[in-house]
Amino acid sequence: MRTSTRTRYRHFAPFAIITSTALLLTACGSGSDDTTGTAANAAAKADKIPTTDVVSDIPKDEAAATLLPSGVTGLTVAVAVGGTPPGTTYLDDGKTLTGQDVDFADAVAKVLGIELKTEQAGFEAILPALDSGKYDFGASNFGVTDERRKTIDFVTYINDGQGFATRSDSKLAKITDLKQLCGLNVATGAGTTFEATLEENKKVCTDAGEKAYKVQTYSEQGAIWSSLQQGRSDLVMSTINGLRYAVAHQHGVKFLNEYHRLDVGFAFKKDTKLAPAFQAAVNKLIADGTYDKILKKWGTTGSAIAKSEISPPELKN
């Protein structure tokens, strides 16, 4: 695990604390004048964060390491930090970062025999900063889309995607067509594949002669869930894994369905020379069983992939 020098992420209100960035690994933006974080440290995490060490004993793999560009002995990874698993969060010491993405980044570094420096950044700031060289790669549940592939290279390590959740008392059912959202308020995070999907498809409502749905974005992850709970939003669009975690660990919300699966990958600047080594490292983890241990630790075995790929086309489903 890596240690952060920043201050501890503040607690959100009871409803929001257990549904923060684990649910919105990609949340950053501007939203309504919601107030979260006004309550309390009384909002303790609902479940103990998994602490099983599945990384420290991973040996270096010479075959994968030889694929690194000459002279590379260490890299800087950027992560977006949130509140609960499986997303990147803090252990109880308030300093040590943990989460599925952290474990995968650390595991790959072990396989390649390199030092890893972990830095925190807002989700929306990571991809633009890769081209400048501020970070060598990003690890924050970045979905592989055709639009992103124009400027970013990816090395896949899990499969997650887009889904919906709503209040338990809602009459909303499985969402298979965005026309079902017409006239509703949908909460999500700015700069995400969720926001992009919603904004790009608003016309499905107006083309059908119906009122367009409203996309609501928020600057704080917990605000999304407070908005839903307080009735300002009708449903949430977020990560499949995060939404499943939400409904499994607190009352008042229900998972609607998986809407669109996406491969998730480490993100690099375009035409990176690091991709072959990272691909080989992920495939080594899959082959030796470490990959499965990481997924089991975070309860995401449904996101397993058979092999890592470099910038595959966006999944169409």
Protein backbone atom coordinates (compact mmCIF):
# COMPACT_ATOMS: atom_id res chain seq x y z
CA MET A 1 0.00 0.00 0.00
CA ARG A 2 1.11 3.56 -0.60
CA THR A 3 1.03 6.42 1.87
CA SER A 4 -0.44 9.81 1.11
CA THR A 5 0.81 13.09 2.52
CA ARG A 6 -2.54 14.81 2.13
CA THR A 7 -5.08 15.25 4.84
CA ARG A 8 -7.71 12.67 5.46
CA TYR A 9 -10.74 12.69 3.20
CA ARG A 10 -13.61 14.15 5.18
CA HIS A 11 -16.58 12.07 6.26
CA PHE A 12 -19.95 12.45 4.60
CA ALA A 13 -23.44 12.14 6.00
CA PRO A 14 -24.53 8.64 7.03
CA PHE A 15 -26.31 7.87 3.77
CA ALA A 16 -23.44 9.13 1.68
CA ILE A 17 -20.42 7.82 3.53
CA ILE A 18 -20.85 4.22 2.48
CA THR A 19 -21.70 5.13 -1.07
CA SER A 20 -19.05 7.62 -2.04
CA THR A 21 -16.28 7.05 -4.53
CA ALA A 22 -16.58 3.32 -4.50
CA LEU A 23 -19.77 4.10 -6.30
CA LEU A 24 -18.44 6.99 -8.27
CA LEU A 25 -14.84 6.30 -9.01
CA THR A 26 -15.15 8.88 -11.70
CA ALA A 27 -16.99 11.66 -9.88
CA CYS A 28 -15.89 15.23 -10.36
CA GLY A 29 -17.92 18.16 -11.53
CA SER A 30 -20.30 20.89 -10.48
CA GLY A 31 -23.76 20.30 -9.17
CA SER A 32 -26.61 21.68 -7.17
CA ASP A 33 -26.25 23.42 -3.84
CA ASP A 34 -26.30 20.19 -1.89
CA THR A 35 -24.75 20.06 1.55
CA THR A 36 -22.91 16.91 2.39
CA GLY A 37 -20.30 16.51 5.03
CA THR A 38 -22.39 18.54 7.45
CA ALA A 39 -22.86 15.52 9.66
CA ALA A 40 -20.63 14.01 11.15
CA ASN A 41 -17.86 11.91 12.10
CA ALA A 42 -20.77 9.90 13.40
CA ALA A 43 -20.85 8.53 9.90
CA ALA A 44 -18.37 5.74 10.31
CA LYS A 45 -17.72 3.28 7.54
CA ALA A 46 -20.25 0.50 7.55
CA ASP A 47 -17.84 -2.35 7.03
CA LYS A 48 -14.24 -3.00 7.79
CA ILE A 49 -12.01 -2.38 4.80
CA PRO A 50 -10.34 -5.56 3.51
CA THR A 51 -6.70 -5.61 4.61
CA THR A 52 -5.48 -8.95 3.29
CA ASP A 53 -2.02 -8.49 1.80
CA VAL A 54 -2.12 -9.97 -1.70
CA VAL A 55 0.75 -7.94 -3.14
CA SER A 56 3.95 -7.82 -1.05
CA ASP A 57 5.14 -11.36 -1.87
CA ILE A 58 4.77 -11.04 -5.64
CA PRO A 59 8.14 -11.80 -7.28
CA LYS A 60 9.65 -9.90 -10.16
CA ASP A 61 9.10 -11.47 -13.56
CA GLU A 62 12.17 -10.98 -15.74
CA ALA A 63 10.32 -11.62 -19.02
CA ALA A 64 7.84 -8.83 -18.29
CA ALA A 65 10.49 -6.51 -16.88
CA THR A 66 12.61 -6.71 -20.03
CA LEU A 67 9.74 -5.08 -21.93
CA LEU A 68 10.17 -1.85 -19.98
CA PRO A 69 11.91 1.02 -21.77
CA SER A 70 15.61 1.18 -20.94
CA GLY A 71 16.38 2.97 -17.69
CA VAL A 72 12.89 2.81 -16.17
CA THR A 73 13.23 1.95 -12.47
CA GLY A 74 10.28 3.85 -11.05
CA LEU A 75 6.98 5.40 -12.13
CA THR A 76 4.40 7.82 -10.77
CA VAL A 77 0.76 6.75 -10.73
CA ALA A 78 -2.18 9.09 -10.18
CA VAL A 79 -5.26 7.89 -8.32
CA ALA A 80 -8.55 9.56 -7.43
CA VAL A 81 -9.33 8.98 -3.77
CA GLY A 82 -12.77 8.40 -2.37
CA GLY A 83 -14.54 6.92 0.60
CA THR A 84 -15.24 3.20 0.42
CA PRO A 85 -14.15 -0.06 -1.24
CA PRO A 86 -13.64 -1.27 -3.88
CA GLY A 87 -12.53 2.23 -4.91
CA THR A 88 -9.42 3.92 -3.62
CA THR A 89 -9.80 4.97 0.00
CA TYR A 90 -7.86 5.25 3.26
CA LEU A 91 -7.22 2.66 5.92
CA ASP A 92 -8.14 3.61 9.46
CA ASP A 93 -4.84 5.44 9.93
CA GLY A 94 -6.12 8.13 7.58
CA LYS A 95 -2.91 8.04 5.53
CA THR A 96 -2.46 4.67 3.86
CA LEU A 97 -4.23 4.25 0.54
CA THR A 98 -5.99 1.03 -0.33
CA GLY A 99 -8.46 -0.26 -2.89
CA GLN A 100 -8.69 -2.47 -5.93
CA ASP A 101 -6.91 -0.05 -8.27
CA VAL A 102 -4.14 0.48 -5.72
CA ASP A 103 -3.62 -3.28 -5.39
CA PHE A 104 -3.45 -3.77 -9.15
CA ALA A 105 -1.01 -0.89 -9.61
CA ASP A 106 1.21 -2.17 -6.77
CA ALA A 107 1.02 -5.74 -8.09
CA VAL A 108 2.12 -4.71 -11.56
CA ALA A 109 5.00 -2.71 -10.07
CA LYS A 110 6.10 -5.83 -8.17
CA VAL A 111 6.03 -7.95 -11.32
CA LEU A 112 8.08 -5.35 -13.18
CA GLY A 113 10.49 -4.78 -10.30
CA ILE A 114 10.00 -1.01 -10.19
CA GLU A 115 9.32 1.54 -7.46
CA LEU A 116 5.90 3.16 -7.55
CA LYS A 117 5.11 6.68 -6.34
CA THR A 118 1.38 7.19 -5.78
CA GLU A 119 -0.10 10.67 -6.03
CA GLN A 120 -3.68 11.78 -5.48
CA ALA A 121 -5.52 13.85 -8.06
CA GLY A 122 -9.07 14.72 -9.03
CA PHE A 123 -10.41 12.21 -11.48
CA GLU A 124 -11.01 14.82 -14.17
CA ALA A 125 -7.40 16.05 -13.88
CA ILE A 126 -5.62 12.74 -14.41
CA LEU A 127 -6.06 12.03 -18.11
CA PRO A 128 -5.14 15.56 -19.29
CA ALA A 129 -2.00 15.45 -17.10
CA LEU A 130 -0.65 12.27 -18.68
CA ASP A 131 0.47 13.95 -21.89
CA SER A 132 2.44 16.56 -19.95
CA GLY A 133 4.34 13.86 -18.10
CA LYS A 134 3.09 14.92 -14.69
CA TYR A 135 2.07 11.30 -14.10
CA ASP A 136 3.32 8.20 -15.88
CA PHE A 137 -0.06 6.51 -15.70
CA GLY A 138 -3.45 6.68 -14.04
CA ALA A 139 -5.26 3.96 -12.11
CA SER A 140 -8.80 5.04 -11.22
CA ASN A 141 -11.27 2.71 -12.89
CA PHE A 142 -10.87 4.39 -16.28
CA GLY A 143 -13.33 2.90 -18.74
CA VAL A 144 -11.96 2.23 -22.21
CA THR A 145 -14.04 4.16 -24.75
CA ASP A 146 -13.43 4.88 -28.40
CA GLU A 147 -13.44 8.60 -27.66
CA ARG A 148 -10.77 8.28 -24.98
CA ARG A 149 -8.65 6.02 -27.18
CA LYS A 150 -8.09 8.95 -29.53
CA THR A 151 -5.77 10.57 -26.98
CA ILE A 152 -5.06 7.90 -24.35
CA ASP A 153 -3.56 4.41 -24.40
CA PHE A 154 -4.97 1.77 -22.07
CA VAL A 155 -3.83 -1.56 -20.65
CA THR A 156 -6.89 -3.44 -19.42
CA TYR A 157 -7.08 -5.24 -16.09
CA ILE A 158 -10.80 -5.58 -15.23
CA ASN A 159 -14.22 -5.25 -16.80
CA ASP A 160 -16.74 -2.99 -15.09
CA GLY A 161 -19.07 -0.53 -16.77
CA GLN A 162 -22.19 1.57 -16.40
CA GLY A 163 -25.28 0.89 -14.35
CA PHE A 164 -28.18 2.51 -12.54
CA ALA A 165 -29.51 2.63 -8.99
CA THR A 166 -32.45 4.32 -7.36
CA ARG A 167 -34.35 4.51 -4.07
CA SER A 168 -35.88 1.30 -2.82
CA ASP A 169 -39.39 2.77 -2.97
CA SER A 170 -39.03 3.88 -6.59
CA LYS A 171 -41.20 2.32 -9.28
CA LEU A 172 -38.30 2.48 -11.72
CA ALA A 173 -37.38 -0.91 -13.11
CA LYS A 174 -34.60 -2.22 -15.32
CA ILE A 175 -33.18 0.50 -17.58
CA THR A 176 -32.50 -0.88 -21.06
CA ASP A 177 -33.19 2.24 -23.11
CA LEU A 178 -32.33 5.82 -22.17
CA LYS A 179 -35.78 6.86 -23.34
CA GLN A 180 -36.95 5.40 -20.04
CA LEU A 181 -35.20 8.35 -18.37
CA CYS A 182 -37.19 11.05 -20.18
CA GLY A 183 -38.37 13.73 -17.79
CA LEU A 184 -36.28 12.41 -14.91
CA ASN A 185 -33.28 13.80 -13.02
CA VAL A 186 -30.14 11.64 -13.28
CA ALA A 187 -27.24 12.19 -10.88
CA THR A 188 -23.69 11.36 -11.90
CA GLY A 189 -20.15 12.80 -11.96
CA ALA A 190 -18.68 15.24 -14.46
CA GLY A 191 -15.88 14.10 -16.72
CA THR A 192 -17.10 10.52 -16.58
CA THR A 193 -18.25 8.04 -19.19
CA PHE A 194 -21.62 8.26 -17.45
CA GLU A 195 -21.98 11.97 -18.09
CA ALA A 196 -20.79 11.55 -21.67
CA THR A 197 -23.28 8.76 -22.36
CA LEU A 198 -26.15 10.76 -20.90
CA GLU A 199 -25.31 14.03 -22.66
CA GLU A 200 -24.74 12.38 -26.02
CA ASN A 201 -28.11 10.65 -25.94
CA LYS A 202 -30.43 13.37 -24.64
CA LYS A 203 -31.94 13.65 -28.10
CA VAL A 204 -33.60 10.25 -27.75
CA CYS A 205 -36.24 11.99 -25.65
CA THR A 206 -36.75 15.12 -27.73
CA ASP A 207 -36.74 13.06 -30.94
CA ALA A 208 -39.58 11.05 -29.43
CA GLY A 209 -41.48 14.22 -28.51
CA GLU A 210 -40.80 13.80 -24.79
CA LYS A 211 -39.12 16.00 -22.21
CA ALA A 212 -35.38 15.46 -22.01
CA TYR A 213 -33.93 14.03 -18.83
CA LYS A 214 -31.74 16.34 -16.75
CA VAL A 215 -28.14 15.40 -16.06
CA GLN A 216 -27.04 16.50 -12.59
CA THR A 217 -23.31 16.51 -11.81
CA TYR A 218 -21.68 17.08 -8.43
CA SER A 219 -18.32 18.16 -7.13
CA GLU A 220 -18.44 15.76 -4.20
CA GLN A 221 -19.19 12.07 -4.44
CA GLY A 222 -21.43 11.88 -1.40
CA ALA A 223 -23.61 14.70 -2.77
CA ILE A 224 -24.87 12.39 -5.51
CA TRP A 225 -26.33 10.00 -2.98
CA SER A 226 -27.75 12.71 -0.77
CA SER A 227 -29.45 14.11 -3.88
CA LEU A 228 -31.06 10.76 -4.56
CA GLN A 229 -32.08 10.19 -0.96
CA GLN A 230 -33.57 13.67 -0.63
CA GLY A 231 -35.54 13.37 -3.86
CA ARG A 232 -33.72 15.92 -6.00
CA SER A 233 -32.55 13.09 -8.25
CA ASP A 234 -34.57 10.15 -9.46
CA LEU A 235 -31.68 7.80 -10.06
CA VAL A 236 -27.90 7.50 -10.18
CA MET A 237 -25.70 6.35 -13.03
CA SER A 238 -22.33 5.00 -11.90
CA THR A 239 -20.01 2.01 -11.92
CA ILE A 240 -21.50 -1.46 -11.80
CA ASN A 241 -19.18 -2.59 -9.01
CA GLY A 242 -19.80 0.55 -6.98
CA LEU A 243 -23.56 0.33 -7.30
CA ARG A 244 -23.58 -3.30 -6.28
CA TYR A 245 -21.53 -2.36 -3.23
CA ALA A 246 -24.06 0.34 -2.35
CA VAL A 247 -27.10 -1.89 -2.32
CA ALA A 248 -25.24 -4.61 -0.45
CA HIS A 249 -24.07 -2.36 2.38
CA GLN A 250 -26.89 0.03 3.20
CA HIS A 251 -30.62 0.47 3.20
CA GLY A 252 -32.71 2.67 0.99
CA VAL A 253 -31.32 2.02 -2.49
CA LYS A 254 -31.69 -0.70 -5.08
CA PHE A 255 -29.57 -1.71 -8.05
CA LEU A 256 -31.50 -1.49 -11.31
CA ASN A 257 -29.22 -3.17 -13.80
CA GLU A 258 -26.04 -3.23 -15.79
CA TYR A 259 -26.54 -0.86 -18.70
CA HIS A 260 -23.25 -1.00 -20.58
CA ARG A 261 -20.12 -3.03 -19.84
CA LEU A 262 -16.73 -1.41 -20.33
CA ASP A 263 -13.18 -2.67 -20.10
CA VAL A 264 -11.20 -0.80 -17.46
CA GLY A 265 -7.51 -0.10 -17.85
CA PHE A 266 -4.41 1.70 -16.67
CA ALA A 267 -4.31 4.98 -18.59
CA PHE A 268 -1.18 6.30 -20.36
CA LYS A 269 -0.32 9.09 -22.74
CA LYS A 270 -0.82 8.17 -26.39
CA ASP A 271 1.85 5.97 -27.95
CA THR A 272 3.40 5.08 -24.62
CA LYS A 273 6.29 2.62 -24.57
CA LEU A 274 5.13 1.27 -21.21
CA ALA A 275 2.06 -0.58 -22.47
CA PRO A 276 3.69 -3.90 -23.51
CA ALA A 277 5.35 -4.33 -20.12
CA PHE A 278 2.13 -3.54 -18.23
CA GLN A 279 0.17 -5.93 -20.42
CA ALA A 280 2.68 -8.69 -19.76
CA ALA A 281 2.56 -7.96 -16.02
CA VAL A 282 -1.23 -8.17 -15.84
CA ASN A 283 -1.20 -11.41 -17.81
CA LYS A 284 1.44 -12.78 -15.44
CA LEU A 285 -0.83 -11.96 -12.48
CA ILE A 286 -3.72 -13.73 -14.20
CA ALA A 287 -1.59 -16.80 -14.91
CA ASP A 288 -0.13 -17.20 -11.41
CA GLY A 289 -3.43 -16.72 -9.54
CA THR A 290 -2.63 -13.36 -7.92
CA TYR A 291 -5.20 -11.66 -10.13
CA ASP A 292 -7.98 -13.84 -8.75
CA LYS A 293 -6.84 -13.15 -5.17
CA ILE A 294 -7.14 -9.39 -5.73
CA LEU A 295 -10.64 -9.71 -7.16
CA LYS A 296 -11.75 -11.98 -4.31
CA LYS A 297 -10.37 -9.53 -1.76
CA TRP A 298 -12.52 -6.72 -3.16
CA GLY A 299 -15.57 -8.84 -4.02
CA THR A 300 -15.36 -8.13 -7.75
CA THR A 301 -14.84 -11.56 -9.28
CA GLY A 302 -17.58 -10.76 -11.79
CA SER A 303 -15.19 -8.21 -13.32
CA ALA A 304 -12.48 -10.71 -14.25
CA ILE A 305 -10.97 -10.65 -17.73
CA ALA A 306 -9.30 -13.60 -19.47
CA LYS A 307 -6.33 -11.58 -20.70
CA SER A 308 -5.05 -8.02 -20.74
CA GLU A 309 -5.25 -6.02 -23.95
CA ILE A 310 -3.76 -2.76 -25.16
CA SER A 311 -6.41 -0.16 -26.08
CA PRO A 312 -9.09 -2.57 -27.33
CA PRO A 313 -12.17 -1.13 -29.08
CA GLU A 314 -14.98 -0.05 -26.80
CA LEU A 315 -17.29 -2.90 -25.92
CA LYS A 316 -20.61 -2.71 -27.73
CA ASN A 317 -23.54 -4.16 -25.85
